[in-house]
């Protein structure tokens, strides 16, 4: 059975994939590694890729994990990357996110306050059923906010313009964080919001079975 490597979104873990039917593969959920001081997204992606033992892996990344999977795909055309609710280049960021790097409020907020703000904006992630909503709340509660601050800074300073051909993009039309109109998706989930593996797990499972 084919191994498929999964990278979760910012601050999340393998629970974001817990509703998917992955019976068609042997899933391997990558663990976060500690970032180096002022490390770029590209550098972090290359170091994370080095933890994968397969020479030409298949990688599925969600949100921030999709940006990492994009950088991984750039290193080797034999790598197969699928990104979900993510973006492939800096031009696909909305203007308000691009402007945030000039006003890095996230750097100045104490960690407890930053975490409380994440609770306040959880509505951006999706319209979740009770069980899925509890998973999101648990993930936010357990998130390492120092890692989040580093990752947000790395994302906002990611200036990638290269879209590798060995990459497939799945996106929802209702994504509030990374608006659908700004990305060029290969597969569209109607009304899908940002946490597609939770809210639209059947559609995502079927697509992954087809793609990997």
Protein backbone atom coordinates (compact mmCIF):
# COMPACT_ATOMS: atom_id res chain seq x y z
CA UNK A 1 0.00 0.00 0.00
CA UNK A 2 1.32 3.44 -0.97
CA UNK A 3 2.58 5.73 1.77
CA UNK A 4 1.17 9.25 1.75
CA UNK A 5 2.64 11.95 3.96
CA UNK A 6 0.24 14.47 5.51
CA UNK A 7 1.11 17.96 6.81
CA UNK A 8 -1.51 19.72 8.91
CA UNK A 9 -2.29 23.42 9.02
CA UNK A 10 -0.81 26.12 11.23
CA UNK A 11 -0.98 25.13 14.87
CA UNK A 12 -2.92 21.97 14.04
CA UNK A 13 -2.00 18.29 14.10
CA UNK A 14 -3.18 14.99 12.62
CA UNK A 15 -6.64 15.44 14.16
CA UNK A 16 -7.50 17.71 11.22
CA UNK A 17 -7.39 14.56 9.04
CA UNK A 18 -9.33 12.35 11.46
CA UNK A 19 -12.59 12.33 9.44
CA UNK A 20 -10.97 11.35 6.13
CA UNK A 21 -11.27 7.83 4.73
CA UNK A 22 -7.62 7.01 4.09
CA UNK A 23 -8.10 3.28 3.59
CA UNK A 24 -6.57 3.58 0.09
CA UNK A 25 -3.11 4.45 1.45
CA UNK A 26 -0.75 4.12 4.39
CA UNK A 27 -1.00 7.59 5.97
CA UNK A 28 2.02 9.09 7.72
CA UNK A 29 1.31 12.27 9.68
CA UNK A 30 4.39 14.48 9.86
CA UNK A 31 5.20 16.00 13.24
CA UNK A 32 6.30 19.62 13.45
CA UNK A 33 10.00 20.22 14.01
CA UNK A 34 11.27 23.23 15.96
CA UNK A 35 11.96 26.21 13.68
CA UNK A 36 15.33 27.89 13.72
CA UNK A 37 15.55 31.53 14.74
CA UNK A 38 14.18 33.75 11.95
CA UNK A 39 13.93 30.69 9.67
CA UNK A 40 12.19 31.15 6.32
CA UNK A 41 9.28 29.04 5.16
CA UNK A 42 11.47 27.60 2.37
CA UNK A 43 14.20 26.54 4.79
CA UNK A 44 11.71 24.97 7.17
CA UNK A 45 10.07 23.06 4.31
CA UNK A 46 13.43 21.65 3.20
CA UNK A 47 14.29 20.52 6.73
CA UNK A 48 10.86 18.93 7.18
CA UNK A 49 11.23 17.16 3.83
CA UNK A 50 14.51 15.67 5.10
CA UNK A 51 12.52 13.82 7.79
CA UNK A 52 10.67 11.85 5.07
CA UNK A 53 12.56 8.62 4.28
CA UNK A 54 11.00 8.06 0.83
CA UNK A 55 12.98 9.41 -2.12
CA UNK A 56 10.00 10.67 -4.16
CA UNK A 57 7.11 10.96 -1.69
CA UNK A 58 3.47 11.85 -2.16
CA UNK A 59 2.63 14.74 0.16
CA UNK A 60 -0.74 16.22 1.15
CA UNK A 61 -0.69 19.59 2.90
CA UNK A 62 -3.52 21.65 4.37
CA UNK A 63 -3.32 25.45 4.64
CA UNK A 64 0.19 26.24 6.00
CA UNK A 65 1.04 22.60 5.31
CA UNK A 66 0.13 23.20 1.68
CA UNK A 67 2.62 26.05 1.43
CA UNK A 68 5.28 23.72 2.81
CA UNK A 69 4.20 21.02 0.33
CA UNK A 70 4.57 23.59 -2.47
CA UNK A 71 8.17 24.28 -1.50
CA UNK A 72 8.83 20.54 -1.25
CA UNK A 73 7.42 19.98 -4.75
CA UNK A 74 9.79 22.63 -6.10
CA UNK A 75 12.82 20.60 -4.98
CA UNK A 76 12.04 17.50 -7.07
CA UNK A 77 9.63 17.02 -10.03
CA UNK A 78 9.15 13.38 -8.96
CA UNK A 79 7.49 14.48 -5.71
CA UNK A 80 3.69 14.55 -5.93
CA UNK A 81 2.08 17.28 -3.82
CA UNK A 82 -1.61 17.90 -3.18
CA UNK A 83 -2.50 21.09 -1.35
CA UNK A 84 -5.87 21.73 0.30
CA UNK A 85 -7.29 25.15 1.29
CA UNK A 86 -3.89 26.68 0.76
CA UNK A 87 -2.02 28.82 -1.74
CA UNK A 88 0.87 28.24 -4.09
CA UNK A 89 2.38 31.71 -4.36
CA UNK A 90 2.50 35.08 -2.65
CA UNK A 91 0.14 36.56 -5.25
CA UNK A 92 -2.69 34.35 -3.95
CA UNK A 93 -2.68 36.02 -0.53
CA UNK A 94 -5.46 38.54 0.14
CA UNK A 95 -4.32 42.14 0.55
CA UNK A 96 -5.10 42.26 4.27
CA UNK A 97 -2.67 39.39 4.91
CA UNK A 98 0.04 40.91 2.75
CA UNK A 99 -0.34 44.19 4.64
CA UNK A 100 0.00 42.41 7.99
CA UNK A 101 3.75 42.01 7.62
CA UNK A 102 4.07 45.80 7.85
CA UNK A 103 1.94 45.90 11.01
CA UNK A 104 2.97 42.70 12.85
CA UNK A 105 0.53 42.94 15.75
CA UNK A 106 0.80 39.17 16.21
CA UNK A 107 4.41 39.65 17.37
CA UNK A 108 3.48 42.07 20.11
CA UNK A 109 0.49 40.26 21.62
CA UNK A 110 1.13 38.11 24.71
CA UNK A 111 0.57 34.42 23.95
CA UNK A 112 -2.61 34.07 26.10
CA UNK A 113 -4.20 37.06 24.36
CA UNK A 114 -3.22 35.74 20.93
CA UNK A 115 -4.82 32.42 21.77
CA UNK A 116 -8.03 34.12 22.91
CA UNK A 117 -8.14 36.00 19.60
CA UNK A 118 -7.89 32.66 17.78
CA UNK A 119 -11.04 31.50 19.59
CA UNK A 120 -12.80 34.70 18.54
CA UNK A 121 -12.01 34.12 14.85
CA UNK A 122 -12.70 30.38 14.71
CA UNK A 123 -15.81 31.15 12.61
CA UNK A 124 -13.44 31.88 9.70
CA UNK A 125 -12.38 28.23 9.57
CA UNK A 126 -15.72 26.69 8.67
CA UNK A 127 -19.28 25.77 9.54
CA UNK A 128 -18.54 22.76 11.68
CA UNK A 129 -20.74 20.09 13.18
CA UNK A 130 -20.48 19.65 16.96
CA UNK A 131 -17.72 17.00 16.87
CA UNK A 132 -15.61 18.85 14.30
CA UNK A 133 -16.05 22.11 16.21
CA UNK A 134 -14.77 20.45 19.38
CA UNK A 135 -11.68 19.23 17.52
CA UNK A 136 -10.93 22.78 16.37
CA UNK A 137 -11.39 24.14 19.90
CA UNK A 138 -9.11 21.43 21.31
CA UNK A 139 -6.45 22.19 18.72
CA UNK A 140 -6.56 25.93 19.49
CA UNK A 141 -6.34 25.25 23.23
CA UNK A 142 -3.25 23.05 22.80
CA UNK A 143 -1.48 25.15 20.16
CA UNK A 144 2.12 26.31 20.76
CA UNK A 145 1.73 30.05 20.27
CA UNK A 146 5.48 30.63 19.88
CA UNK A 147 5.38 28.29 16.88
CA UNK A 148 2.33 30.14 15.56
CA UNK A 149 4.10 33.51 15.80
CA UNK A 150 7.10 32.16 13.90
CA UNK A 151 4.90 30.51 11.24
CA UNK A 152 2.73 33.59 10.69
CA UNK A 153 5.86 35.68 10.17
CA UNK A 154 7.32 33.06 7.79
CA UNK A 155 4.06 32.95 5.80
CA UNK A 156 3.81 36.73 5.49
CA UNK A 157 7.40 36.94 4.22
CA UNK A 158 6.99 34.04 1.78
CA UNK A 159 7.53 35.56 -1.66
CA UNK A 160 7.23 32.46 -3.82
CA UNK A 161 6.25 33.01 -7.45
CA UNK A 162 7.03 29.52 -8.83
CA UNK A 163 4.12 27.09 -9.16
CA UNK A 164 5.50 23.57 -9.67
CA UNK A 165 3.79 21.37 -12.23
CA UNK A 166 3.83 18.39 -9.87
CA UNK A 167 1.24 20.03 -7.61
CA UNK A 168 -2.56 19.76 -7.44
CA UNK A 169 -4.66 22.37 -5.63
CA UNK A 170 -8.05 21.71 -3.97
CA UNK A 171 -9.94 24.75 -2.67
CA UNK A 172 -13.39 25.68 -1.40
CA UNK A 173 -15.47 28.53 -2.81
CA UNK A 174 -16.46 29.65 0.70
CA UNK A 175 -12.93 29.99 2.11
CA UNK A 176 -12.87 33.17 4.22
CA UNK A 177 -9.17 33.07 5.08
CA UNK A 178 -7.73 32.44 1.60
CA UNK A 179 -10.50 33.57 -0.77
CA UNK A 180 -11.26 31.29 -3.70
CA UNK A 181 -11.31 34.16 -6.20
CA UNK A 182 -7.59 34.77 -5.60
CA UNK A 183 -6.37 31.23 -6.19
CA UNK A 184 -6.23 29.03 -9.26
CA UNK A 185 -7.56 25.71 -8.03
CA UNK A 186 -7.51 22.44 -9.95
CA UNK A 187 -10.49 21.06 -8.00
CA UNK A 188 -13.28 23.09 -6.43
CA UNK A 189 -15.40 22.25 -3.38
CA UNK A 190 -18.64 24.28 -3.64
CA UNK A 191 -19.25 26.29 -0.45
CA UNK A 192 -16.21 24.66 1.15
CA UNK A 193 -14.54 26.76 3.83
CA UNK A 194 -11.04 26.61 5.24
CA UNK A 195 -11.02 23.33 7.18
CA UNK A 196 -12.09 21.17 4.24
CA UNK A 197 -10.87 17.81 5.68
CA UNK A 198 -13.33 18.28 8.56
CA UNK A 199 -16.29 19.97 6.87
CA UNK A 200 -16.14 18.17 3.51
CA UNK A 201 -14.36 14.96 4.45
CA UNK A 202 -16.23 12.75 1.99
CA UNK A 203 -15.44 14.94 -1.03
CA UNK A 204 -11.82 15.32 0.05
CA UNK A 205 -11.47 11.57 0.69
CA UNK A 206 -12.83 10.79 -2.78
CA UNK A 207 -10.52 13.32 -4.44
CA UNK A 208 -7.45 12.06 -2.60
CA UNK A 209 -8.26 8.48 -3.56
CA UNK A 210 -8.33 9.64 -7.18
CA UNK A 211 -5.23 11.82 -7.02
CA UNK A 212 -2.74 9.78 -4.99
